[in-house]
């Protein structure tokens, strides 16, 4: 079985790469991963330390939808 180790489609909200897909800061990548696996409260907590966090969540309202996926194929389909 081949496992993918890439985050689904997510747009950066950080000031350096704002609006660029897949150009996430470390905290954005961590928050995305936490949120996708069901730890959204923890993801919001770590992002709350950054003034631009609201911009990140506003650019990526679909992150929580990735939680509904059960397979890599479903995540890839949702990412389109």
PDB file of N, CA and C in Angstrom:
ATOM      1  N   UNK A   1       0.843  -1.179   0.000  1.00  0.00           N
ATOM      2  CA  UNK A   1       0.000   0.000   0.000  1.00  0.00           C
ATOM      3  C   UNK A   1       0.888   1.241   0.000  1.00  0.00           C
ATOM      4  N   UNK A   2       0.609   2.141  -0.894  1.00  0.00           N
ATOM      5  CA  UNK A   2       1.374   3.382  -1.010  1.00  0.00           C
ATOM      6  C   UNK A   2       0.662   4.468  -0.221  1.00  0.00           C
ATOM      7  N   UNK A   3       1.360   5.095   0.706  1.00  0.00           N
ATOM      8  CA  UNK A   3       0.784   6.166   1.509  1.00  0.00           C
ATOM      9  C   UNK A   3       1.288   7.515   1.036  1.00  0.00           C
ATOM     10  N   UNK A   4       0.368   8.450   0.880  1.00  0.00           N
ATOM     11  CA  UNK A   4       0.746   9.805   0.509  1.00  0.00           C
ATOM     12  C   UNK A   4       1.084  10.586   1.764  1.00  0.00           C
ATOM     13  N   UNK A   5       2.076  11.410   1.670  1.00  0.00           N
ATOM     14  CA  UNK A   5       2.449  12.251   2.806  1.00  0.00           C
ATOM     15  C   UNK A   5       2.480  13.697   2.378  1.00  0.00           C
ATOM     16  N   UNK A   6       1.393  14.117   1.821  1.00  0.00           N
ATOM     17  CA  UNK A   6       1.266  15.505   1.383  1.00  0.00           C
ATOM     18  C   UNK A   6      -0.067  16.025   1.891  1.00  0.00           C
ATOM     19  N   UNK A   7      -0.072  17.266   2.270  1.00  0.00           N
ATOM     20  CA  UNK A   7      -1.324  17.868   2.704  1.00  0.00           C
ATOM     21  C   UNK A   7      -2.224  18.111   1.503  1.00  0.00           C
ATOM     22  N   UNK A   8      -3.518  18.096   1.713  1.00  0.00           N
ATOM     23  CA  UNK A   8      -4.424  18.427   0.607  1.00  0.00           C
ATOM     24  C   UNK A   8      -4.267  19.896   0.216  1.00  0.00           C
ATOM     25  N   UNK A   9      -4.973  20.313  -0.804  1.00  0.00           N
ATOM     26  CA  UNK A   9      -4.910  21.688  -1.292  1.00  0.00           C
ATOM     27  C   UNK A   9      -5.230  22.664  -0.165  1.00  0.00           C
ATOM     28  N   UNK A  10      -4.277  23.514   0.160  1.00  0.00           N
ATOM     29  CA  UNK A  10      -4.436  24.550   1.179  1.00  0.00           C
ATOM     30  C   UNK A  10      -3.676  25.780   0.694  1.00  0.00           C
ATOM     31  N   UNK A  11      -4.250  26.949   0.953  1.00  0.00           N
ATOM     32  CA  UNK A  11      -3.653  28.212   0.517  1.00  0.00           C
ATOM     33  C   UNK A  11      -3.020  28.909   1.723  1.00  0.00           C
ATOM     34  N   UNK A  12      -1.834  29.425   1.532  1.00  0.00           N
ATOM     35  CA  UNK A  12      -1.121  30.112   2.612  1.00  0.00           C
ATOM     36  C   UNK A  12      -1.821  31.410   3.000  1.00  0.00           C
ATOM     37  N   UNK A  13      -1.837  31.673   4.293  1.00  0.00           N
ATOM     38  CA  UNK A  13      -2.385  32.922   4.803  1.00  0.00           C
ATOM     39  C   UNK A  13      -1.313  33.764   5.465  1.00  0.00           C
ATOM     40  N   UNK A  14      -0.084  33.254   5.485  1.00  0.00           N
ATOM     41  CA  UNK A  14       1.006  33.991   6.129  1.00  0.00           C
ATOM     42  C   UNK A  14       1.429  35.169   5.251  1.00  0.00           C
ATOM     43  N   UNK A  15       1.990  36.211   5.840  1.00  0.00           N
ATOM     44  CA  UNK A  15       2.329  37.423   5.090  1.00  0.00           C
ATOM     45  C   UNK A  15       3.356  37.217   3.974  1.00  0.00           C
ATOM     46  N   UNK A  16       4.224  36.244   4.101  1.00  0.00           N
ATOM     47  CA  UNK A  16       5.267  36.019   3.097  1.00  0.00           C
ATOM     48  C   UNK A  16       4.705  35.362   1.841  1.00  0.00           C
ATOM     49  N   UNK A  17       3.843  34.371   1.999  1.00  0.00           N
ATOM     50  CA  UNK A  17       3.330  33.605   0.853  1.00  0.00           C
ATOM     51  C   UNK A  17       1.820  33.696   0.707  1.00  0.00           C
ATOM     52  N   UNK A  18       1.224  34.787   1.165  1.00  0.00           N
ATOM     53  CA  UNK A  18      -0.227  34.935   1.169  1.00  0.00           C
ATOM     54  C   UNK A  18      -0.839  34.595  -0.187  1.00  0.00           C
ATOM     55  N   UNK A  19      -1.816  33.699  -0.152  1.00  0.00           N
ATOM     56  CA  UNK A  19      -2.568  33.352  -1.352  1.00  0.00           C
ATOM     57  C   UNK A  19      -1.927  32.291  -2.233  1.00  0.00           C
ATOM     58  N   UNK A  20      -0.759  31.814  -1.868  1.00  0.00           N
ATOM     59  CA  UNK A  20      -0.069  30.812  -2.683  1.00  0.00           C
ATOM     60  C   UNK A  20      -0.425  29.407  -2.191  1.00  0.00           C
ATOM     61  N   UNK A  21      -0.916  28.556  -3.088  1.00  0.00           N
ATOM     62  CA  UNK A  21      -1.227  27.189  -2.683  1.00  0.00           C
ATOM     63  C   UNK A  21       0.031  26.422  -2.298  1.00  0.00           C
ATOM     64  N   UNK A  22      -0.084  25.620  -1.268  1.00  0.00           N
ATOM     65  CA  UNK A  22       0.973  24.720  -0.799  1.00  0.00           C
ATOM     66  C   UNK A  22       2.217  25.430  -0.254  1.00  0.00           C
ATOM     67  N   UNK A  23       2.237  26.732  -0.169  1.00  0.00           N
ATOM     68  CA  UNK A  23       3.399  27.470   0.347  1.00  0.00           C
ATOM     69  C   UNK A  23       3.153  27.855   1.802  1.00  0.00           C
ATOM     70  N   UNK A  24       2.900  26.860   2.623  1.00  0.00           N
ATOM     71  CA  UNK A  24       2.506  27.092   4.003  1.00  0.00           C
ATOM     72  C   UNK A  24       3.704  27.304   4.921  1.00  0.00           C
ATOM     73  N   UNK A  25       3.471  28.073   5.957  1.00  0.00           N
ATOM     74  CA  UNK A  25       4.456  28.148   7.032  1.00  0.00           C
ATOM     75  C   UNK A  25       4.337  26.852   7.832  1.00  0.00           C
ATOM     76  N   UNK A  26       5.290  26.613   8.695  1.00  0.00           N
ATOM     77  CA  UNK A  26       5.251  25.391   9.522  1.00  0.00           C
ATOM     78  C   UNK A  26       3.984  25.340  10.369  1.00  0.00           C
ATOM     79  N   UNK A  27       3.593  26.470  10.954  1.00  0.00           N
ATOM     80  CA  UNK A  27       2.418  26.470  11.818  1.00  0.00           C
ATOM     81  C   UNK A  27       1.145  26.242  10.995  1.00  0.00           C
ATOM     82  N   UNK A  28       1.088  26.742   9.776  1.00  0.00           N
ATOM     83  CA  UNK A  28      -0.073  26.492   8.930  1.00  0.00           C
ATOM     84  C   UNK A  28      -0.168  25.008   8.561  1.00  0.00           C
ATOM     85  N   UNK A  29       0.966  24.415   8.245  1.00  0.00           N
ATOM     86  CA  UNK A  29       0.974  22.990   7.904  1.00  0.00           C
ATOM     87  C   UNK A  29       0.549  22.155   9.113  1.00  0.00           C
ATOM     88  N   UNK A  30       1.074  22.490  10.279  1.00  0.00           N
ATOM     89  CA  UNK A  30       0.709  21.759  11.488  1.00  0.00           C
ATOM     90  C   UNK A  30      -0.779  21.933  11.789  1.00  0.00           C
ATOM     91  N   UNK A  31      -1.275  23.153  11.690  1.00  0.00           N
ATOM     92  CA  UNK A  31      -2.692  23.414  11.956  1.00  0.00           C
ATOM     93  C   UNK A  31      -3.580  22.681  10.961  1.00  0.00           C
ATOM     94  N   UNK A  32      -3.166  22.633   9.712  1.00  0.00           N
ATOM     95  CA  UNK A  32      -3.942  21.905   8.711  1.00  0.00           C
ATOM     96  C   UNK A  32      -3.992  20.420   9.056  1.00  0.00           C
ATOM     97  N   UNK A  33      -2.843  19.855   9.360  1.00  0.00           N
ATOM     98  CA  UNK A  33      -2.796  18.438   9.724  1.00  0.00           C
ATOM     99  C   UNK A  33      -3.643  18.136  10.947  1.00  0.00           C
ATOM    100  N   UNK A  34      -3.531  18.963  11.976  1.00  0.00           N
ATOM    101  CA  UNK A  34      -4.335  18.766  13.178  1.00  0.00           C
ATOM    102  C   UNK A  34      -5.824  18.841  12.866  1.00  0.00           C
ATOM    103  N   UNK A  35      -6.197  19.814  12.085  1.00  0.00           N
ATOM    104  CA  UNK A  35      -7.605  20.002  11.757  1.00  0.00           C
ATOM    105  C   UNK A  35      -8.157  18.832  10.947  1.00  0.00           C
ATOM    106  N   UNK A  36      -7.382  18.370   9.989  1.00  0.00           N
ATOM    107  CA  UNK A  36      -7.833  17.271   9.123  1.00  0.00           C
ATOM    108  C   UNK A  36      -8.076  15.996   9.928  1.00  0.00           C
ATOM    109  N   UNK A  37      -7.257  15.750  10.935  1.00  0.00           N
ATOM    110  CA  UNK A  37      -7.430  14.520  11.717  1.00  0.00           C
ATOM    111  C   UNK A  37      -8.359  14.702  12.920  1.00  0.00           C
ATOM    112  N   UNK A  38      -9.019  15.855  12.995  1.00  0.00           N
ATOM    113  CA  UNK A  38     -10.053  16.041  13.998  1.00  0.00           C
ATOM    114  C   UNK A  38      -9.684  16.866  15.209  1.00  0.00           C
ATOM    115  N   UNK A  39      -8.530  17.480  15.208  1.00  0.00           N
ATOM    116  CA  UNK A  39      -8.103  18.307  16.335  1.00  0.00           C
ATOM    117  C   UNK A  39      -8.195  19.790  15.968  1.00  0.00           C
ATOM    118  N   UNK A  40      -9.363  20.193  15.506  1.00  0.00           N
ATOM    119  CA  UNK A  40      -9.538  21.571  15.033  1.00  0.00           C
ATOM    120  C   UNK A  40      -9.356  22.594  16.157  1.00  0.00           C
ATOM    121  N   UNK A  41      -9.808  22.273  17.352  1.00  0.00           N
ATOM    122  CA  UNK A  41      -9.631  23.217  18.476  1.00  0.00           C
ATOM    123  C   UNK A  41      -8.154  23.477  18.751  1.00  0.00           C
ATOM    124  N   UNK A  42      -7.354  22.429  18.708  1.00  0.00           N
ATOM    125  CA  UNK A  42      -5.918  22.587  18.919  1.00  0.00           C
ATOM    126  C   UNK A  42      -5.287  23.380  17.774  1.00  0.00           C
ATOM    127  N   UNK A  43      -5.769  23.128  16.554  1.00  0.00           N
ATOM    128  CA  UNK A  43      -5.276  23.866  15.390  1.00  0.00           C
ATOM    129  C   UNK A  43      -5.590  25.353  15.534  1.00  0.00           C
ATOM    130  N   UNK A  44      -6.797  25.660  15.946  1.00  0.00           N
ATOM    131  CA  UNK A  44      -7.161  27.064  16.148  1.00  0.00           C
ATOM    132  C   UNK A  44      -6.321  27.688  17.265  1.00  0.00           C
ATOM    133  N   UNK A  45      -6.032  26.917  18.290  1.00  0.00           N
ATOM    134  CA  UNK A  45      -5.233  27.445  19.398  1.00  0.00           C
ATOM    135  C   UNK A  45      -3.828  27.833  18.945  1.00  0.00           C
ATOM    136  N   UNK A  46      -3.156  26.941  18.225  1.00  0.00           N
ATOM    137  CA  UNK A  46      -1.783  27.289  17.807  1.00  0.00           C
ATOM    138  C   UNK A  46      -1.785  28.419  16.786  1.00  0.00           C
ATOM    139  N   UNK A  47      -2.816  28.492  15.967  1.00  0.00           N
ATOM    140  CA  UNK A  47      -2.889  29.577  14.986  1.00  0.00           C
ATOM    141  C   UNK A  47      -3.254  30.911  15.642  1.00  0.00           C
ATOM    142  N   UNK A  48      -3.905  30.848  16.807  1.00  0.00           N
ATOM    143  CA  UNK A  48      -4.341  32.082  17.470  1.00  0.00           C
ATOM    144  C   UNK A  48      -3.163  32.954  17.909  1.00  0.00           C
ATOM    145  N   UNK A  49      -1.975  32.403  17.901  1.00  0.00           N
ATOM    146  CA  UNK A  49      -0.786  33.157  18.296  1.00  0.00           C
ATOM    147  C   UNK A  49      -0.296  34.098  17.191  1.00  0.00           C
ATOM    148  N   UNK A  50      -0.908  34.011  16.018  1.00  0.00           N
ATOM    149  CA  UNK A  50      -0.484  34.800  14.859  1.00  0.00           C
ATOM    150  C   UNK A  50      -1.613  35.733  14.422  1.00  0.00           C
ATOM    151  N   UNK A  51      -1.272  36.980  14.198  1.00  0.00           N
ATOM    152  CA  UNK A  51      -2.265  37.975  13.817  1.00  0.00           C
ATOM    153  C   UNK A  51      -2.939  37.709  12.488  1.00  0.00           C
ATOM    154  N   UNK A  52      -2.318  36.938  11.641  1.00  0.00           N
ATOM    155  CA  UNK A  52      -2.860  36.657  10.314  1.00  0.00           C
ATOM    156  C   UNK A  52      -3.641  35.339  10.269  1.00  0.00           C
ATOM    157  N   UNK A  53      -3.885  34.730  11.431  1.00  0.00           N
ATOM    158  CA  UNK A  53      -4.562  33.425  11.483  1.00  0.00           C
ATOM    159  C   UNK A  53      -5.959  33.469  10.881  1.00  0.00           C
ATOM    160  N   UNK A  54      -6.687  34.542  11.140  1.00  0.00           N
ATOM    161  CA  UNK A  54      -8.042  34.629  10.580  1.00  0.00           C
ATOM    162  C   UNK A  54      -8.007  34.591   9.061  1.00  0.00           C
ATOM    163  N   UNK A  55      -7.003  35.235   8.481  1.00  0.00           N
ATOM    164  CA  UNK A  55      -6.856  35.198   7.027  1.00  0.00           C
ATOM    165  C   UNK A  55      -6.633  33.789   6.511  1.00  0.00           C
ATOM    166  N   UNK A  56      -5.852  33.013   7.247  1.00  0.00           N
ATOM    167  CA  UNK A  56      -5.608  31.620   6.854  1.00  0.00           C
ATOM    168  C   UNK A  56      -6.907  30.823   6.859  1.00  0.00           C
ATOM    169  N   UNK A  57      -7.670  30.924   7.947  1.00  0.00           N
ATOM    170  CA  UNK A  57      -8.930  30.169   8.024  1.00  0.00           C
ATOM    171  C   UNK A  57      -9.929  30.670   6.997  1.00  0.00           C
ATOM    172  N   UNK A  58      -9.951  31.970   6.733  1.00  0.00           N
ATOM    173  CA  UNK A  58     -10.877  32.505   5.730  1.00  0.00           C
ATOM    174  C   UNK A  58     -10.529  32.031   4.322  1.00  0.00           C
ATOM    175  N   UNK A  59      -9.248  31.882   4.037  1.00  0.00           N
ATOM    176  CA  UNK A  59      -8.823  31.386   2.720  1.00  0.00           C
ATOM    177  C   UNK A  59      -9.085  29.893   2.549  1.00  0.00           C
ATOM    178  N   UNK A  60      -9.239  29.177   3.642  1.00  0.00           N
ATOM    179  CA  UNK A  60      -9.334  27.715   3.606  1.00  0.00           C
ATOM    180  C   UNK A  60     -10.543  27.169   4.363  1.00  0.00           C
ATOM    181  N   UNK A  61     -11.751  27.610   4.008  1.00  0.00           N
ATOM    182  CA  UNK A  61     -12.928  27.127   4.750  1.00  0.00           C
ATOM    183  C   UNK A  61     -13.195  25.639   4.528  1.00  0.00           C
ATOM    184  N   UNK A  62     -12.586  25.070   3.514  1.00  0.00           N
ATOM    185  CA  UNK A  62     -12.820  23.671   3.153  1.00  0.00           C
ATOM    186  C   UNK A  62     -11.968  22.692   3.949  1.00  0.00           C
ATOM    187  N   UNK A  63     -11.067  23.186   4.796  1.00  0.00           N
ATOM    188  CA  UNK A  63     -10.191  22.287   5.559  1.00  0.00           C
ATOM    189  C   UNK A  63     -11.009  21.291   6.379  1.00  0.00           C
ATOM    190  N   UNK A  64     -12.047  21.758   7.020  1.00  0.00           N
ATOM    191  CA  UNK A  64     -12.846  20.859   7.844  1.00  0.00           C
ATOM    192  C   UNK A  64     -13.540  19.783   7.012  1.00  0.00           C
ATOM    193  N   UNK A  65     -13.793  20.047   5.749  1.00  0.00           N
ATOM    194  CA  UNK A  65     -14.424  19.044   4.884  1.00  0.00           C
ATOM    195  C   UNK A  65     -13.497  17.855   4.646  1.00  0.00           C
ATOM    196  N   UNK A  66     -12.191  18.088   4.734  1.00  0.00           N
ATOM    197  CA  UNK A  66     -11.246  16.987   4.555  1.00  0.00           C
ATOM    198  C   UNK A  66     -11.399  15.942   5.658  1.00  0.00           C
ATOM    199  N   UNK A  67     -11.943  16.338   6.806  1.00  0.00           N
ATOM    200  CA  UNK A  67     -12.165  15.383   7.896  1.00  0.00           C
ATOM    201  C   UNK A  67     -13.150  14.292   7.493  1.00  0.00           C
ATOM    202  N   UNK A  68     -14.025  14.589   6.566  1.00  0.00           N
ATOM    203  CA  UNK A  68     -15.053  13.632   6.145  1.00  0.00           C
ATOM    204  C   UNK A  68     -14.509  12.544   5.233  1.00  0.00           C
ATOM    205  N   UNK A  69     -13.305  12.727   4.746  1.00  0.00           N
ATOM    206  CA  UNK A  69     -12.708  11.772   3.811  1.00  0.00           C
ATOM    207  C   UNK A  69     -12.133  10.574   4.564  1.00  0.00           C
ATOM    208  N   UNK A  70     -12.293   9.402   3.960  1.00  0.00           N
ATOM    209  CA  UNK A  70     -11.785   8.173   4.572  1.00  0.00           C
ATOM    210  C   UNK A  70     -10.590   7.587   3.836  1.00  0.00           C
ATOM    211  N   UNK A  71     -10.369   8.028   2.611  1.00  0.00           N
ATOM    212  CA  UNK A  71      -9.261   7.488   1.825  1.00  0.00           C
ATOM    213  C   UNK A  71      -8.496   8.621   1.164  1.00  0.00           C
ATOM    214  N   UNK A  72      -7.300   8.300   0.698  1.00  0.00           N
ATOM    215  CA  UNK A  72      -6.480   9.268  -0.022  1.00  0.00           C
ATOM    216  C   UNK A  72      -7.204   9.732  -1.281  1.00  0.00           C
ATOM    217  N   UNK A  73      -7.867   8.804  -1.943  1.00  0.00           N
ATOM    218  CA  UNK A  73      -8.594   9.156  -3.169  1.00  0.00           C
ATOM    219  C   UNK A  73      -9.693  10.174  -2.894  1.00  0.00           C
ATOM    220  N   UNK A  74     -10.386  10.016  -1.768  1.00  0.00           N
ATOM    221  CA  UNK A  74     -11.432  10.969  -1.410  1.00  0.00           C
ATOM    222  C   UNK A  74     -10.837  12.350  -1.131  1.00  0.00           C
ATOM    223  N   UNK A  75      -9.696  12.392  -0.480  1.00  0.00           N
ATOM    224  CA  UNK A  75      -9.033  13.665  -0.200  1.00  0.00           C
ATOM    225  C   UNK A  75      -8.611  14.318  -1.518  1.00  0.00           C
ATOM    226  N   UNK A  76      -8.044  13.539  -2.424  1.00  0.00           N
ATOM    227  CA  UNK A  76      -7.632  14.096  -3.718  1.00  0.00           C
ATOM    228  C   UNK A  76      -8.824  14.611  -4.505  1.00  0.00           C
ATOM    229  N   UNK A  77      -9.926  13.891  -4.450  1.00  0.00           N
ATOM    230  CA  UNK A  77     -11.138  14.325  -5.157  1.00  0.00           C
ATOM    231  C   UNK A  77     -11.675  15.612  -4.538  1.00  0.00           C
ATOM    232  N   UNK A  78     -11.667  15.702  -3.225  1.00  0.00           N
ATOM    233  CA  UNK A  78     -12.143  16.898  -2.532  1.00  0.00           C
ATOM    234  C   UNK A  78     -11.243  18.092  -2.824  1.00  0.00           C
ATOM    235  N   UNK A  79      -9.963  17.828  -3.075  1.00  0.00           N
ATOM    236  CA  UNK A  79      -8.993  18.900  -3.317  1.00  0.00           C
ATOM    237  C   UNK A  79      -9.163  19.569  -4.670  1.00  0.00           C
ATOM    238  N   UNK A  80      -9.901  18.949  -5.551  1.00  0.00           N
ATOM    239  CA  UNK A  80     -10.050  19.507  -6.920  1.00  0.00           C
ATOM    240  C   UNK A  80     -10.974  20.688  -6.942  1.00  0.00           C
TER     241      UNK A  80
END
